[in-house]
């Protein structure tokens, strides 16, 4: 934990870039779904939340925030109607 805290110090997050990329990949998965049934959407959103929480477990709140921001931004940019339903 000391290593993570030191690495995140004033320089930023160790995992932020990875979190942003991972969020975009998962957001693309949601938007590619041909069947957007409630069950399927909830499953993919839950998987995204699990991925986001992995950064929290690593002690990297900046990466967790970056994941959430990137996921939301990608969905909003690429399907604003669906984003309104989702968020």
PDB file of N, CA and C in Angstrom:
ATOM      1  N   UNK A   1       0.813  -1.189   0.000  1.00  0.00           N
ATOM      2  CA  UNK A   1       0.000   0.000   0.000  1.00  0.00           C
ATOM      3  C   UNK A   1       0.856   1.253   0.000  1.00  0.00           C
ATOM      4  N   UNK A   2       1.980   1.219   0.662  1.00  0.00           N
ATOM      5  CA  UNK A   2       2.850   2.387   0.689  1.00  0.00           C
ATOM      6  C   UNK A   2       3.337   2.710  -0.714  1.00  0.00           C
ATOM      7  N   UNK A   3       3.634   1.685  -1.488  1.00  0.00           N
ATOM      8  CA  UNK A   3       4.091   1.885  -2.857  1.00  0.00           C
ATOM      9  C   UNK A   3       3.025   2.590  -3.681  1.00  0.00           C
ATOM     10  N   UNK A   4       1.778   2.175  -3.565  1.00  0.00           N
ATOM     11  CA  UNK A   4       0.687   2.800  -4.318  1.00  0.00           C
ATOM     12  C   UNK A   4       0.526   4.248  -3.882  1.00  0.00           C
ATOM     13  N   UNK A   5       0.542   4.488  -2.586  1.00  0.00           N
ATOM     14  CA  UNK A   5       0.374   5.851  -2.093  1.00  0.00           C
ATOM     15  C   UNK A   5       1.513   6.749  -2.562  1.00  0.00           C
ATOM     16  N   UNK A   6       2.711   6.224  -2.547  1.00  0.00           N
ATOM     17  CA  UNK A   6       3.855   6.990  -3.013  1.00  0.00           C
ATOM     18  C   UNK A   6       3.763   7.250  -4.500  1.00  0.00           C
ATOM     19  N   UNK A   7       3.406   6.227  -5.252  1.00  0.00           N
ATOM     20  CA  UNK A   7       3.327   6.363  -6.705  1.00  0.00           C
ATOM     21  C   UNK A   7       2.214   7.306  -7.126  1.00  0.00           C
ATOM     22  N   UNK A   8       1.159   7.380  -6.343  1.00  0.00           N
ATOM     23  CA  UNK A   8       0.035   8.245  -6.690  1.00  0.00           C
ATOM     24  C   UNK A   8       0.252   9.673  -6.231  1.00  0.00           C
ATOM     25  N   UNK A   9       1.162   9.896  -5.334  1.00  0.00           N
ATOM     26  CA  UNK A   9       1.459  11.198  -4.763  1.00  0.00           C
ATOM     27  C   UNK A   9       1.085  12.385  -5.605  1.00  0.00           C
ATOM     28  N   UNK A  10       2.017  13.258  -5.883  1.00  0.00           N
ATOM     29  CA  UNK A  10       1.736  14.467  -6.647  1.00  0.00           C
ATOM     30  C   UNK A  10       1.776  14.200  -8.144  1.00  0.00           C
ATOM     31  N   UNK A  11       2.240  13.056  -8.532  1.00  0.00           N
ATOM     32  CA  UNK A  11       2.390  12.727  -9.940  1.00  0.00           C
ATOM     33  C   UNK A  11       1.094  12.234 -10.576  1.00  0.00           C
ATOM     34  N   UNK A  12       0.137  11.851  -9.766  1.00  0.00           N
ATOM     35  CA  UNK A  12      -1.107  11.329 -10.309  1.00  0.00           C
ATOM     36  C   UNK A  12      -1.243   9.846 -10.053  1.00  0.00           C
ATOM     37  N   UNK A  13      -2.124   9.238 -10.790  1.00  0.00           N
ATOM     38  CA  UNK A  13      -2.487   7.848 -10.598  1.00  0.00           C
ATOM     39  C   UNK A  13      -1.607   6.908 -11.409  1.00  0.00           C
ATOM     40  N   UNK A  14      -1.244   5.810 -10.785  1.00  0.00           N
ATOM     41  CA  UNK A  14      -0.465   4.777 -11.465  1.00  0.00           C
ATOM     42  C   UNK A  14      -1.316   4.072 -12.526  1.00  0.00           C
ATOM     43  N   UNK A  15      -2.597   3.893 -12.232  1.00  0.00           N
ATOM     44  CA  UNK A  15      -3.478   3.100 -13.082  1.00  0.00           C
ATOM     45  C   UNK A  15      -4.460   3.927 -13.919  1.00  0.00           C
ATOM     46  N   UNK A  16      -4.346   5.242 -13.883  1.00  0.00           N
ATOM     47  CA  UNK A  16      -5.358   6.083 -14.531  1.00  0.00           C
ATOM     48  C   UNK A  16      -5.500   5.813 -16.032  1.00  0.00           C
ATOM     49  N   UNK A  17      -4.413   5.754 -16.750  1.00  0.00           N
ATOM     50  CA  UNK A  17      -4.491   5.515 -18.199  1.00  0.00           C
ATOM     51  C   UNK A  17      -5.108   4.149 -18.487  1.00  0.00           C
ATOM     52  N   UNK A  18      -4.694   3.157 -17.730  1.00  0.00           N
ATOM     53  CA  UNK A  18      -5.258   1.811 -17.884  1.00  0.00           C
ATOM     54  C   UNK A  18      -6.760   1.827 -17.607  1.00  0.00           C
ATOM     55  N   UNK A  19      -7.167   2.536 -16.562  1.00  0.00           N
ATOM     56  CA  UNK A  19      -8.579   2.604 -16.191  1.00  0.00           C
ATOM     57  C   UNK A  19      -9.398   3.253 -17.298  1.00  0.00           C
ATOM     58  N   UNK A  20      -8.883   4.320 -17.880  1.00  0.00           N
ATOM     59  CA  UNK A  20      -9.596   4.999 -18.965  1.00  0.00           C
ATOM     60  C   UNK A  20      -9.765   4.076 -20.174  1.00  0.00           C
ATOM     61  N   UNK A  21      -8.695   3.391 -20.537  1.00  0.00           N
ATOM     62  CA  UNK A  21      -8.761   2.468 -21.681  1.00  0.00           C
ATOM     63  C   UNK A  21      -9.736   1.333 -21.414  1.00  0.00           C
ATOM     64  N   UNK A  22      -9.673   0.786 -20.225  1.00  0.00           N
ATOM     65  CA  UNK A  22     -10.555  -0.326 -19.866  1.00  0.00           C
ATOM     66  C   UNK A  22     -12.017   0.112 -19.862  1.00  0.00           C
ATOM     67  N   UNK A  23     -12.277   1.318 -19.404  1.00  0.00           N
ATOM     68  CA  UNK A  23     -13.637   1.845 -19.382  1.00  0.00           C
ATOM     69  C   UNK A  23     -14.190   1.993 -20.793  1.00  0.00           C
ATOM     70  N   UNK A  24     -13.376   2.470 -21.706  1.00  0.00           N
ATOM     71  CA  UNK A  24     -13.822   2.635 -23.091  1.00  0.00           C
ATOM     72  C   UNK A  24     -14.137   1.276 -23.710  1.00  0.00           C
ATOM     73  N   UNK A  25     -13.299   0.296 -23.454  1.00  0.00           N
ATOM     74  CA  UNK A  25     -13.538  -1.056 -23.977  1.00  0.00           C
ATOM     75  C   UNK A  25     -14.877  -1.588 -23.450  1.00  0.00           C
ATOM     76  N   UNK A  26     -15.131  -1.386 -22.169  1.00  0.00           N
ATOM     77  CA  UNK A  26     -16.373  -1.895 -21.584  1.00  0.00           C
ATOM     78  C   UNK A  26     -17.583  -1.099 -22.066  1.00  0.00           C
ATOM     79  N   UNK A  27     -17.422   0.195 -22.273  1.00  0.00           N
ATOM     80  CA  UNK A  27     -18.520   1.011 -22.796  1.00  0.00           C
ATOM     81  C   UNK A  27     -18.850   0.595 -24.226  1.00  0.00           C
ATOM     82  N   UNK A  28     -17.820   0.291 -25.005  1.00  0.00           N
ATOM     83  CA  UNK A  28     -18.055  -0.184 -26.370  1.00  0.00           C
ATOM     84  C   UNK A  28     -18.855  -1.477 -26.347  1.00  0.00           C
ATOM     85  N   UNK A  29     -18.567  -2.340 -25.377  1.00  0.00           N
ATOM     86  CA  UNK A  29     -19.291  -3.609 -25.250  1.00  0.00           C
ATOM     87  C   UNK A  29     -20.775  -3.347 -25.010  1.00  0.00           C
ATOM     88  N   UNK A  30     -21.086  -2.375 -24.179  1.00  0.00           N
ATOM     89  CA  UNK A  30     -22.485  -2.040 -23.910  1.00  0.00           C
ATOM     90  C   UNK A  30     -23.161  -1.549 -25.179  1.00  0.00           C
ATOM     91  N   UNK A  31     -22.497  -0.680 -25.899  1.00  0.00           N
ATOM     92  CA  UNK A  31     -23.116  -0.087 -27.086  1.00  0.00           C
ATOM     93  C   UNK A  31     -23.216  -1.062 -28.252  1.00  0.00           C
ATOM     94  N   UNK A  32     -22.382  -2.088 -28.272  1.00  0.00           N
ATOM     95  CA  UNK A  32     -22.448  -3.085 -29.346  1.00  0.00           C
ATOM     96  C   UNK A  32     -23.573  -4.083 -29.148  1.00  0.00           C
ATOM     97  N   UNK A  33     -24.140  -4.117 -27.963  1.00  0.00           N
ATOM     98  CA  UNK A  33     -25.178  -5.093 -27.658  1.00  0.00           C
ATOM     99  C   UNK A  33     -26.381  -4.886 -28.574  1.00  0.00           C
ATOM    100  N   UNK A  34     -26.751  -5.933 -29.291  1.00  0.00           N
ATOM    101  CA  UNK A  34     -27.926  -5.832 -30.159  1.00  0.00           C
ATOM    102  C   UNK A  34     -29.207  -5.985 -29.346  1.00  0.00           C
ATOM    103  N   UNK A  35     -29.137  -6.776 -28.296  1.00  0.00           N
ATOM    104  CA  UNK A  35     -30.285  -6.984 -27.420  1.00  0.00           C
ATOM    105  C   UNK A  35     -30.012  -6.251 -26.118  1.00  0.00           C
ATOM    106  N   UNK A  36     -30.603  -5.094 -25.964  1.00  0.00           N
ATOM    107  CA  UNK A  36     -30.378  -4.307 -24.750  1.00  0.00           C
ATOM    108  C   UNK A  36     -31.482  -4.562 -23.735  1.00  0.00           C
ATOM    109  N   UNK A  37     -31.678  -5.823 -23.451  1.00  0.00           N
ATOM    110  CA  UNK A  37     -32.653  -6.161 -22.419  1.00  0.00           C
ATOM    111  C   UNK A  37     -32.113  -5.677 -21.076  1.00  0.00           C
ATOM    112  N   UNK A  38     -33.010  -5.470 -20.159  1.00  0.00           N
ATOM    113  CA  UNK A  38     -32.615  -4.991 -18.832  1.00  0.00           C
ATOM    114  C   UNK A  38     -31.579  -5.911 -18.215  1.00  0.00           C
ATOM    115  N   UNK A  39     -31.785  -7.201 -18.333  1.00  0.00           N
ATOM    116  CA  UNK A  39     -30.862  -8.171 -17.747  1.00  0.00           C
ATOM    117  C   UNK A  39     -29.463  -8.031 -18.343  1.00  0.00           C
ATOM    118  N   UNK A  40     -29.369  -7.967 -19.643  1.00  0.00           N
ATOM    119  CA  UNK A  40     -28.063  -7.887 -20.309  1.00  0.00           C
ATOM    120  C   UNK A  40     -27.348  -6.579 -19.987  1.00  0.00           C
ATOM    121  N   UNK A  41     -28.083  -5.491 -19.985  1.00  0.00           N
ATOM    122  CA  UNK A  41     -27.476  -4.196 -19.660  1.00  0.00           C
ATOM    123  C   UNK A  41     -26.987  -4.201 -18.215  1.00  0.00           C
ATOM    124  N   UNK A  42     -27.794  -4.701 -17.307  1.00  0.00           N
ATOM    125  CA  UNK A  42     -27.390  -4.771 -15.901  1.00  0.00           C
ATOM    126  C   UNK A  42     -26.156  -5.642 -15.717  1.00  0.00           C
ATOM    127  N   UNK A  43     -26.076  -6.734 -16.462  1.00  0.00           N
ATOM    128  CA  UNK A  43     -24.911  -7.618 -16.361  1.00  0.00           C
ATOM    129  C   UNK A  43     -23.638  -6.879 -16.770  1.00  0.00           C
ATOM    130  N   UNK A  44     -23.696  -6.167 -17.881  1.00  0.00           N
ATOM    131  CA  UNK A  44     -22.511  -5.465 -18.375  1.00  0.00           C
ATOM    132  C   UNK A  44     -22.145  -4.301 -17.449  1.00  0.00           C
ATOM    133  N   UNK A  45     -23.153  -3.603 -16.935  1.00  0.00           N
ATOM    134  CA  UNK A  45     -22.891  -2.505 -16.003  1.00  0.00           C
ATOM    135  C   UNK A  45     -22.267  -3.049 -14.724  1.00  0.00           C
ATOM    136  N   UNK A  46     -22.755  -4.167 -14.251  1.00  0.00           N
ATOM    137  CA  UNK A  46     -22.178  -4.783 -13.056  1.00  0.00           C
ATOM    138  C   UNK A  46     -20.716  -5.156 -13.303  1.00  0.00           C
ATOM    139  N   UNK A  47     -20.418  -5.701 -14.464  1.00  0.00           N
ATOM    140  CA  UNK A  47     -19.034  -6.030 -14.799  1.00  0.00           C
ATOM    141  C   UNK A  47     -18.164  -4.766 -14.810  1.00  0.00           C
ATOM    142  N   UNK A  48     -18.716  -3.675 -15.309  1.00  0.00           N
ATOM    143  CA  UNK A  48     -17.975  -2.411 -15.322  1.00  0.00           C
ATOM    144  C   UNK A  48     -17.729  -1.917 -13.898  1.00  0.00           C
ATOM    145  N   UNK A  49     -18.714  -2.039 -13.041  1.00  0.00           N
ATOM    146  CA  UNK A  49     -18.549  -1.623 -11.642  1.00  0.00           C
ATOM    147  C   UNK A  49     -17.512  -2.484 -10.930  1.00  0.00           C
ATOM    148  N   UNK A  50     -17.477  -3.762 -11.248  1.00  0.00           N
ATOM    149  CA  UNK A  50     -16.467  -4.650 -10.673  1.00  0.00           C
ATOM    150  C   UNK A  50     -15.078  -4.191 -11.110  1.00  0.00           C
ATOM    151  N   UNK A  51     -14.931  -3.881 -12.395  1.00  0.00           N
ATOM    152  CA  UNK A  51     -13.648  -3.407 -12.908  1.00  0.00           C
ATOM    153  C   UNK A  51     -13.248  -2.111 -12.218  1.00  0.00           C
ATOM    154  N   UNK A  52     -14.194  -1.194 -12.057  1.00  0.00           N
ATOM    155  CA  UNK A  52     -13.908   0.070 -11.388  1.00  0.00           C
ATOM    156  C   UNK A  52     -13.485  -0.166  -9.940  1.00  0.00           C
ATOM    157  N   UNK A  53     -14.148  -1.073  -9.259  1.00  0.00           N
ATOM    158  CA  UNK A  53     -13.841  -1.320  -7.844  1.00  0.00           C
ATOM    159  C   UNK A  53     -12.455  -1.936  -7.656  1.00  0.00           C
ATOM    160  N   UNK A  54     -11.926  -2.584  -8.677  1.00  0.00           N
ATOM    161  CA  UNK A  54     -10.570  -3.132  -8.574  1.00  0.00           C
ATOM    162  C   UNK A  54      -9.556  -2.013  -8.321  1.00  0.00           C
ATOM    163  N   UNK A  55      -9.796  -0.843  -8.902  1.00  0.00           N
ATOM    164  CA  UNK A  55      -8.894   0.289  -8.667  1.00  0.00           C
ATOM    165  C   UNK A  55      -9.043   0.817  -7.250  1.00  0.00           C
ATOM    166  N   UNK A  56     -10.256   0.787  -6.724  1.00  0.00           N
ATOM    167  CA  UNK A  56     -10.461   1.201  -5.338  1.00  0.00           C
ATOM    168  C   UNK A  56      -9.760   0.243  -4.379  1.00  0.00           C
ATOM    169  N   UNK A  57      -9.830  -1.045  -4.691  1.00  0.00           N
ATOM    170  CA  UNK A  57      -9.158  -2.034  -3.846  1.00  0.00           C
ATOM    171  C   UNK A  57      -7.644  -1.864  -3.873  1.00  0.00           C
ATOM    172  N   UNK A  58      -7.133  -1.333  -4.967  1.00  0.00           N
ATOM    173  CA  UNK A  58      -5.700  -1.051  -5.071  1.00  0.00           C
ATOM    174  C   UNK A  58      -5.344   0.274  -4.399  1.00  0.00           C
ATOM    175  N   UNK A  59      -6.357   0.982  -3.933  1.00  0.00           N
ATOM    176  CA  UNK A  59      -6.123   2.253  -3.264  1.00  0.00           C
ATOM    177  C   UNK A  59      -5.978   3.428  -4.214  1.00  0.00           C
ATOM    178  N   UNK A  60      -6.394   3.247  -5.446  1.00  0.00           N
ATOM    179  CA  UNK A  60      -6.228   4.290  -6.459  1.00  0.00           C
ATOM    180  C   UNK A  60      -7.582   4.923  -6.795  1.00  0.00           C
ATOM    181  N   UNK A  61      -7.990   5.887  -5.998  1.00  0.00           N
ATOM    182  CA  UNK A  61      -9.281   6.534  -6.209  1.00  0.00           C
ATOM    183  C   UNK A  61      -9.293   7.368  -7.486  1.00  0.00           C
ATOM    184  N   UNK A  62      -8.151   7.885  -7.873  1.00  0.00           N
ATOM    185  CA  UNK A  62      -8.087   8.667  -9.110  1.00  0.00           C
ATOM    186  C   UNK A  62      -8.384   7.783 -10.317  1.00  0.00           C
ATOM    187  N   UNK A  63      -7.880   6.562 -10.316  1.00  0.00           N
ATOM    188  CA  UNK A  63      -8.135   5.636 -11.419  1.00  0.00           C
ATOM    189  C   UNK A  63      -9.604   5.230 -11.428  1.00  0.00           C
ATOM    190  N   UNK A  64     -10.180   5.007 -10.255  1.00  0.00           N
ATOM    191  CA  UNK A  64     -11.603   4.648 -10.179  1.00  0.00           C
ATOM    192  C   UNK A  64     -12.463   5.779 -10.728  1.00  0.00           C
ATOM    193  N   UNK A  65     -12.111   6.999 -10.388  1.00  0.00           N
ATOM    194  CA  UNK A  65     -12.852   8.158 -10.903  1.00  0.00           C
ATOM    195  C   UNK A  65     -12.664   8.278 -12.413  1.00  0.00           C
ATOM    196  N   UNK A  66     -11.444   8.065 -12.882  1.00  0.00           N
ATOM    197  CA  UNK A  66     -11.160   8.138 -14.321  1.00  0.00           C
ATOM    198  C   UNK A  66     -11.950   7.082 -15.075  1.00  0.00           C
ATOM    199  N   UNK A  67     -12.064   5.888 -14.504  1.00  0.00           N
ATOM    200  CA  UNK A  67     -12.847   4.817 -15.123  1.00  0.00           C
ATOM    201  C   UNK A  67     -14.290   5.272 -15.296  1.00  0.00           C
ATOM    202  N   UNK A  68     -14.888   5.762 -14.217  1.00  0.00           N
ATOM    203  CA  UNK A  68     -16.281   6.193 -14.260  1.00  0.00           C
ATOM    204  C   UNK A  68     -16.489   7.316 -15.268  1.00  0.00           C
ATOM    205  N   UNK A  69     -15.624   8.306 -15.239  1.00  0.00           N
ATOM    206  CA  UNK A  69     -15.745   9.442 -16.161  1.00  0.00           C
ATOM    207  C   UNK A  69     -15.622   8.998 -17.616  1.00  0.00           C
ATOM    208  N   UNK A  70     -14.669   8.120 -17.887  1.00  0.00           N
ATOM    209  CA  UNK A  70     -14.445   7.665 -19.259  1.00  0.00           C
ATOM    210  C   UNK A  70     -15.590   6.807 -19.759  1.00  0.00           C
ATOM    211  N   UNK A  71     -16.091   5.933 -18.900  1.00  0.00           N
ATOM    212  CA  UNK A  71     -17.216   5.077 -19.274  1.00  0.00           C
ATOM    213  C   UNK A  71     -18.425   5.934 -19.640  1.00  0.00           C
ATOM    214  N   UNK A  72     -18.763   6.862 -18.752  1.00  0.00           N
ATOM    215  CA  UNK A  72     -19.917   7.729 -18.984  1.00  0.00           C
ATOM    216  C   UNK A  72     -19.727   8.591 -20.232  1.00  0.00           C
ATOM    217  N   UNK A  73     -18.556   9.166 -20.380  1.00  0.00           N
ATOM    218  CA  UNK A  73     -18.291  10.058 -21.514  1.00  0.00           C
ATOM    219  C   UNK A  73     -18.410   9.306 -22.833  1.00  0.00           C
ATOM    220  N   UNK A  74     -17.876   8.092 -22.876  1.00  0.00           N
ATOM    221  CA  UNK A  74     -17.944   7.319 -24.119  1.00  0.00           C
ATOM    222  C   UNK A  74     -19.389   7.013 -24.484  1.00  0.00           C
ATOM    223  N   UNK A  75     -20.169   6.560 -23.518  1.00  0.00           N
ATOM    224  CA  UNK A  75     -21.570   6.231 -23.797  1.00  0.00           C
ATOM    225  C   UNK A  75     -22.334   7.493 -24.202  1.00  0.00           C
ATOM    226  N   UNK A  76     -22.129   8.582 -23.486  1.00  0.00           N
ATOM    227  CA  UNK A  76     -22.842   9.824 -23.796  1.00  0.00           C
ATOM    228  C   UNK A  76     -22.478  10.352 -25.174  1.00  0.00           C
ATOM    229  N   UNK A  77     -21.225  10.247 -25.533  1.00  0.00           N
ATOM    230  CA  UNK A  77     -20.770  10.741 -26.835  1.00  0.00           C
ATOM    231  C   UNK A  77     -21.300   9.898 -27.982  1.00  0.00           C
ATOM    232  N   UNK A  78     -21.380   8.594 -27.772  1.00  0.00           N
ATOM    233  CA  UNK A  78     -21.720   7.687 -28.861  1.00  0.00           C
ATOM    234  C   UNK A  78     -23.181   7.252 -28.917  1.00  0.00           C
ATOM    235  N   UNK A  79     -23.944   7.475 -27.848  1.00  0.00           N
ATOM    236  CA  UNK A  79     -25.369   7.144 -27.858  1.00  0.00           C
ATOM    237  C   UNK A  79     -26.055   7.932 -26.745  1.00  0.00           C
ATOM    238  N   UNK A  80     -26.313   9.197 -27.020  1.00  0.00           N
ATOM    239  CA  UNK A  80     -26.845  10.088 -25.986  1.00  0.00           C
ATOM    240  C   UNK A  80     -28.237   9.667 -25.499  1.00  0.00           C
ATOM    241  N   UNK A  81     -29.034   9.075 -26.381  1.00  0.00           N
ATOM    242  CA  UNK A  81     -30.369   8.620 -25.971  1.00  0.00           C
ATOM    243  C   UNK A  81     -30.247   7.485 -24.961  1.00  0.00           C
ATOM    244  N   UNK A  82     -29.392   6.526 -25.252  1.00  0.00           N
ATOM    245  CA  UNK A  82     -29.178   5.401 -24.333  1.00  0.00           C
ATOM    246  C   UNK A  82     -28.542   5.900 -23.036  1.00  0.00           C
ATOM    247  N   UNK A  83     -27.643   6.863 -23.130  1.00  0.00           N
ATOM    248  CA  UNK A  83     -26.983   7.417 -21.940  1.00  0.00           C
ATOM    249  C   UNK A  83     -28.003   8.017 -20.982  1.00  0.00           C
ATOM    250  N   UNK A  84     -29.007   8.689 -21.522  1.00  0.00           N
ATOM    251  CA  UNK A  84     -30.055   9.267 -20.677  1.00  0.00           C
ATOM    252  C   UNK A  84     -30.813   8.183 -19.917  1.00  0.00           C
ATOM    253  N   UNK A  85     -31.033   7.060 -20.550  1.00  0.00           N
ATOM    254  CA  UNK A  85     -31.704   5.934 -19.889  1.00  0.00           C
ATOM    255  C   UNK A  85     -30.797   5.301 -18.823  1.00  0.00           C
ATOM    256  N   UNK A  86     -29.533   5.204 -19.164  1.00  0.00           N
ATOM    257  CA  UNK A  86     -28.575   4.488 -18.320  1.00  0.00           C
ATOM    258  C   UNK A  86     -28.151   5.297 -17.102  1.00  0.00           C
ATOM    259  N   UNK A  87     -27.924   6.586 -17.310  1.00  0.00           N
ATOM    260  CA  UNK A  87     -27.401   7.419 -16.218  1.00  0.00           C
ATOM    261  C   UNK A  87     -28.466   8.349 -15.693  1.00  0.00           C
TER     262      UNK A  87
END
